N, C-alpha and C. Protein backbone atom coordinates (compact mmCIF):
# COMPACT_ATOMS: atom_id res chain seq x y z
N MET A 1 -39.40 -58.29 99.71
CA MET A 1 -38.96 -57.34 100.75
C MET A 1 -39.58 -55.96 100.36
N LYS A 2 -40.08 -55.26 101.33
CA LYS A 2 -40.73 -53.98 101.05
C LYS A 2 -39.78 -52.86 101.36
N SER A 3 -39.84 -51.82 100.52
CA SER A 3 -39.04 -50.58 100.75
C SER A 3 -39.88 -49.41 100.21
N GLN A 4 -39.34 -48.21 100.30
CA GLN A 4 -40.02 -47.04 99.85
C GLN A 4 -39.11 -46.25 98.93
N ILE A 5 -39.73 -45.52 98.00
CA ILE A 5 -39.01 -44.57 97.19
C ILE A 5 -38.90 -43.30 97.98
N ILE A 6 -37.67 -42.73 98.06
CA ILE A 6 -37.44 -41.53 98.89
C ILE A 6 -36.84 -40.43 98.02
N GLN A 7 -37.02 -39.20 98.48
CA GLN A 7 -36.47 -38.06 97.78
C GLN A 7 -35.01 -37.87 98.14
N ILE A 8 -34.16 -37.72 97.14
CA ILE A 8 -32.69 -37.44 97.37
C ILE A 8 -32.34 -36.28 96.46
N GLY A 9 -32.38 -35.07 97.05
CA GLY A 9 -32.16 -33.88 96.24
C GLY A 9 -33.20 -33.78 95.17
N ASN A 10 -32.81 -33.61 93.92
CA ASN A 10 -33.76 -33.53 92.77
C ASN A 10 -34.07 -34.90 92.21
N SER A 11 -33.51 -35.92 92.82
CA SER A 11 -33.66 -37.31 92.31
C SER A 11 -34.50 -38.07 93.36
N GLN A 12 -34.75 -39.37 93.02
CA GLN A 12 -35.40 -40.27 93.94
C GLN A 12 -34.52 -41.49 94.08
N GLY A 13 -34.70 -42.23 95.18
CA GLY A 13 -33.90 -43.41 95.43
C GLY A 13 -34.65 -44.39 96.24
N VAL A 14 -34.05 -45.54 96.41
CA VAL A 14 -34.59 -46.64 97.24
C VAL A 14 -33.51 -47.02 98.24
N ARG A 15 -33.84 -47.08 99.48
CA ARG A 15 -32.92 -47.55 100.52
C ARG A 15 -32.87 -49.06 100.45
N LEU A 16 -31.70 -49.64 100.40
CA LEU A 16 -31.53 -51.08 100.36
C LEU A 16 -30.93 -51.52 101.71
N PRO A 17 -31.50 -52.52 102.30
CA PRO A 17 -30.93 -53.03 103.58
C PRO A 17 -29.48 -53.53 103.41
N LYS A 18 -28.70 -53.25 104.41
CA LYS A 18 -27.26 -53.64 104.36
C LYS A 18 -27.11 -55.17 104.14
N GLY A 19 -27.92 -55.97 104.84
CA GLY A 19 -27.81 -57.44 104.68
C GLY A 19 -28.13 -57.91 103.29
N LEU A 20 -29.12 -57.25 102.64
CA LEU A 20 -29.46 -57.61 101.27
C LEU A 20 -28.28 -57.31 100.33
N LEU A 21 -27.65 -56.11 100.52
CA LEU A 21 -26.49 -55.79 99.69
C LEU A 21 -25.31 -56.73 99.90
N GLU A 22 -25.08 -57.11 101.17
CA GLU A 22 -23.99 -57.98 101.48
C GLU A 22 -24.20 -59.37 100.86
N GLU A 23 -25.38 -59.83 100.93
CA GLU A 23 -25.69 -61.15 100.38
C GLU A 23 -25.63 -61.17 98.84
N SER A 24 -25.96 -60.04 98.23
CA SER A 24 -25.98 -59.96 96.79
C SER A 24 -24.55 -59.82 96.26
N GLY A 25 -23.60 -59.29 97.06
CA GLY A 25 -22.27 -59.10 96.60
C GLY A 25 -22.09 -57.85 95.79
N ILE A 26 -23.09 -57.06 95.65
CA ILE A 26 -23.07 -55.86 94.86
C ILE A 26 -22.34 -54.77 95.67
N ARG A 27 -21.32 -54.15 95.01
CA ARG A 27 -20.57 -53.01 95.62
C ARG A 27 -20.27 -51.98 94.50
N GLY A 28 -20.21 -50.76 94.93
CA GLY A 28 -19.80 -49.73 93.96
C GLY A 28 -20.82 -49.43 92.93
N ASP A 29 -20.44 -49.30 91.67
CA ASP A 29 -21.30 -48.94 90.59
C ASP A 29 -22.30 -50.05 90.28
N VAL A 30 -23.54 -49.66 89.91
CA VAL A 30 -24.53 -50.66 89.54
C VAL A 30 -25.05 -50.36 88.14
N ASP A 31 -25.64 -51.38 87.54
CA ASP A 31 -26.27 -51.24 86.22
C ASP A 31 -27.76 -51.35 86.46
N LEU A 32 -28.57 -50.37 85.99
CA LEU A 32 -30.03 -50.39 86.15
C LEU A 32 -30.62 -50.79 84.80
N VAL A 33 -31.48 -51.78 84.84
CA VAL A 33 -32.10 -52.29 83.63
C VAL A 33 -33.59 -52.19 83.77
N LEU A 34 -34.23 -51.48 82.88
CA LEU A 34 -35.69 -51.32 82.87
C LEU A 34 -36.34 -52.54 82.31
N HIS A 35 -37.22 -53.20 83.09
CA HIS A 35 -37.99 -54.33 82.68
C HIS A 35 -39.47 -53.94 82.58
N GLU A 36 -40.23 -54.74 81.93
CA GLU A 36 -41.66 -54.50 81.79
C GLU A 36 -42.34 -54.45 83.16
N ASP A 37 -41.84 -55.23 84.12
CA ASP A 37 -42.48 -55.29 85.42
C ASP A 37 -41.67 -54.67 86.53
N GLY A 38 -40.61 -53.87 86.20
CA GLY A 38 -39.87 -53.22 87.26
C GLY A 38 -38.49 -52.81 86.79
N ILE A 39 -37.63 -52.62 87.76
CA ILE A 39 -36.23 -52.22 87.51
C ILE A 39 -35.34 -53.28 88.16
N LEU A 40 -34.38 -53.78 87.38
CA LEU A 40 -33.38 -54.71 87.91
C LEU A 40 -32.12 -53.92 88.24
N ILE A 41 -31.57 -54.20 89.45
CA ILE A 41 -30.36 -53.56 89.84
C ILE A 41 -29.28 -54.69 89.91
N ARG A 42 -28.22 -54.52 89.18
CA ARG A 42 -27.15 -55.55 89.23
C ARG A 42 -25.83 -54.91 89.26
N GLY A 43 -24.88 -55.61 89.86
CA GLY A 43 -23.49 -55.09 89.94
C GLY A 43 -22.94 -54.77 88.54
N MET A 44 -22.22 -53.69 88.45
CA MET A 44 -21.61 -53.32 87.18
C MET A 44 -20.46 -54.25 86.86
N GLN A 45 -20.44 -54.79 85.64
CA GLN A 45 -19.27 -55.58 85.26
C GLN A 45 -18.12 -54.72 85.05
N LYS A 46 -16.93 -55.24 85.16
CA LYS A 46 -15.73 -54.41 84.94
C LYS A 46 -15.70 -54.01 83.49
N PRO A 47 -15.39 -52.70 83.25
CA PRO A 47 -15.24 -52.18 81.88
C PRO A 47 -14.25 -53.06 81.11
N ARG A 48 -14.57 -53.33 79.89
CA ARG A 48 -13.71 -54.13 79.02
C ARG A 48 -13.57 -55.57 79.40
N SER A 49 -14.44 -56.03 80.27
CA SER A 49 -14.44 -57.45 80.70
C SER A 49 -14.66 -58.34 79.45
N GLY A 50 -13.75 -59.24 79.22
CA GLY A 50 -13.89 -60.19 78.09
C GLY A 50 -13.24 -59.66 76.80
N TRP A 51 -12.69 -58.46 76.84
CA TRP A 51 -12.12 -57.93 75.58
C TRP A 51 -10.90 -58.73 75.10
N VAL A 52 -10.11 -59.15 76.04
CA VAL A 52 -8.84 -59.89 75.65
C VAL A 52 -9.28 -61.19 74.88
N GLU A 53 -10.23 -61.92 75.41
CA GLU A 53 -10.69 -63.13 74.72
C GLU A 53 -11.26 -62.80 73.33
N LYS A 54 -12.05 -61.71 73.22
CA LYS A 54 -12.61 -61.34 71.94
C LYS A 54 -11.57 -60.93 70.94
N ILE A 55 -10.52 -60.25 71.43
CA ILE A 55 -9.50 -59.83 70.54
C ILE A 55 -8.73 -61.07 69.99
N LYS A 56 -8.46 -62.05 70.93
CA LYS A 56 -7.79 -63.28 70.50
C LYS A 56 -8.64 -63.99 69.46
N GLU A 57 -9.95 -64.05 69.70
CA GLU A 57 -10.85 -64.69 68.78
C GLU A 57 -10.84 -63.97 67.41
N MET A 58 -10.76 -62.61 67.45
CA MET A 58 -10.71 -61.84 66.22
C MET A 58 -9.47 -62.18 65.43
N ILE A 59 -8.34 -62.25 66.15
CA ILE A 59 -7.04 -62.53 65.50
C ILE A 59 -7.10 -63.96 64.88
N ASP A 60 -7.65 -64.91 65.65
CA ASP A 60 -7.70 -66.29 65.11
C ASP A 60 -8.56 -66.39 63.85
N HIS A 61 -9.56 -65.55 63.72
CA HIS A 61 -10.44 -65.56 62.52
C HIS A 61 -10.05 -64.53 61.51
N GLU A 62 -8.88 -63.87 61.72
CA GLU A 62 -8.38 -62.85 60.85
C GLU A 62 -9.41 -61.78 60.51
N ASP A 63 -10.22 -61.39 61.51
CA ASP A 63 -11.18 -60.37 61.41
C ASP A 63 -10.56 -59.00 61.79
N ASP A 64 -11.25 -57.92 61.33
CA ASP A 64 -10.79 -56.58 61.76
C ASP A 64 -11.87 -55.90 62.62
N GLU A 65 -12.84 -56.72 63.07
CA GLU A 65 -13.91 -56.16 63.90
C GLU A 65 -14.21 -57.12 65.05
N LEU A 66 -14.41 -56.51 66.25
CA LEU A 66 -14.70 -57.32 67.43
C LEU A 66 -16.14 -57.86 67.37
N ALA A 67 -16.26 -59.16 67.43
CA ALA A 67 -17.62 -59.74 67.34
C ALA A 67 -18.23 -59.90 68.74
N ASP A 68 -19.51 -59.66 68.82
CA ASP A 68 -20.28 -59.90 70.03
C ASP A 68 -19.71 -59.20 71.25
N LEU A 69 -19.13 -58.07 71.10
CA LEU A 69 -18.58 -57.31 72.24
C LEU A 69 -19.57 -56.27 72.75
N GLU A 70 -20.00 -56.43 73.95
CA GLU A 70 -20.97 -55.50 74.54
C GLU A 70 -20.27 -54.21 74.99
N THR A 71 -20.62 -53.15 74.29
CA THR A 71 -19.96 -51.89 74.61
C THR A 71 -20.92 -50.84 75.21
N THR A 72 -22.23 -51.13 75.09
CA THR A 72 -23.27 -50.24 75.64
C THR A 72 -24.23 -51.03 76.48
N SER A 73 -24.96 -50.36 77.30
CA SER A 73 -26.01 -51.01 78.11
C SER A 73 -27.30 -51.02 77.40
N GLU A 74 -28.29 -51.72 77.90
CA GLU A 74 -29.67 -51.73 77.42
C GLU A 74 -30.19 -50.29 77.35
N PHE A 75 -29.96 -49.57 78.42
CA PHE A 75 -30.42 -48.17 78.54
C PHE A 75 -29.82 -47.33 77.36
N ASP A 76 -28.51 -47.51 77.13
CA ASP A 76 -27.84 -46.79 76.06
C ASP A 76 -28.49 -47.04 74.71
N ARG A 77 -28.82 -48.32 74.46
CA ARG A 77 -29.39 -48.63 73.17
C ARG A 77 -30.84 -48.25 72.97
N ARG A 78 -31.63 -48.30 74.02
CA ARG A 78 -33.08 -48.10 73.84
C ARG A 78 -33.57 -46.72 74.26
N ARG A 79 -32.94 -46.13 75.30
CA ARG A 79 -33.60 -45.00 75.91
C ARG A 79 -32.80 -43.73 75.81
N TRP A 80 -31.47 -43.78 75.68
CA TRP A 80 -30.62 -42.62 75.67
C TRP A 80 -30.79 -41.84 74.38
N GLN A 81 -30.88 -40.54 74.46
CA GLN A 81 -30.97 -39.69 73.26
C GLN A 81 -29.52 -39.26 72.88
N TRP A 82 -29.01 -39.75 71.77
CA TRP A 82 -27.64 -39.42 71.35
C TRP A 82 -27.64 -38.16 70.59
């Protein structure tokens, strides 16, 4: 599907057809992931999704640290200047 990059104030954006968004099920906040061949737009997962299961797993293993818990995005890890 073809679209164009448009000016939105000091930023730029892409208009997405209503039908495409409806079929994708994406609503509200999105996660943007930079790939070698483009940008992936996906629906934002709920914050803290999966935390309850990870905490139960931590308790079962008598750990004091959450294992494999995703707290930052790919952008946060690779591109953001802290």
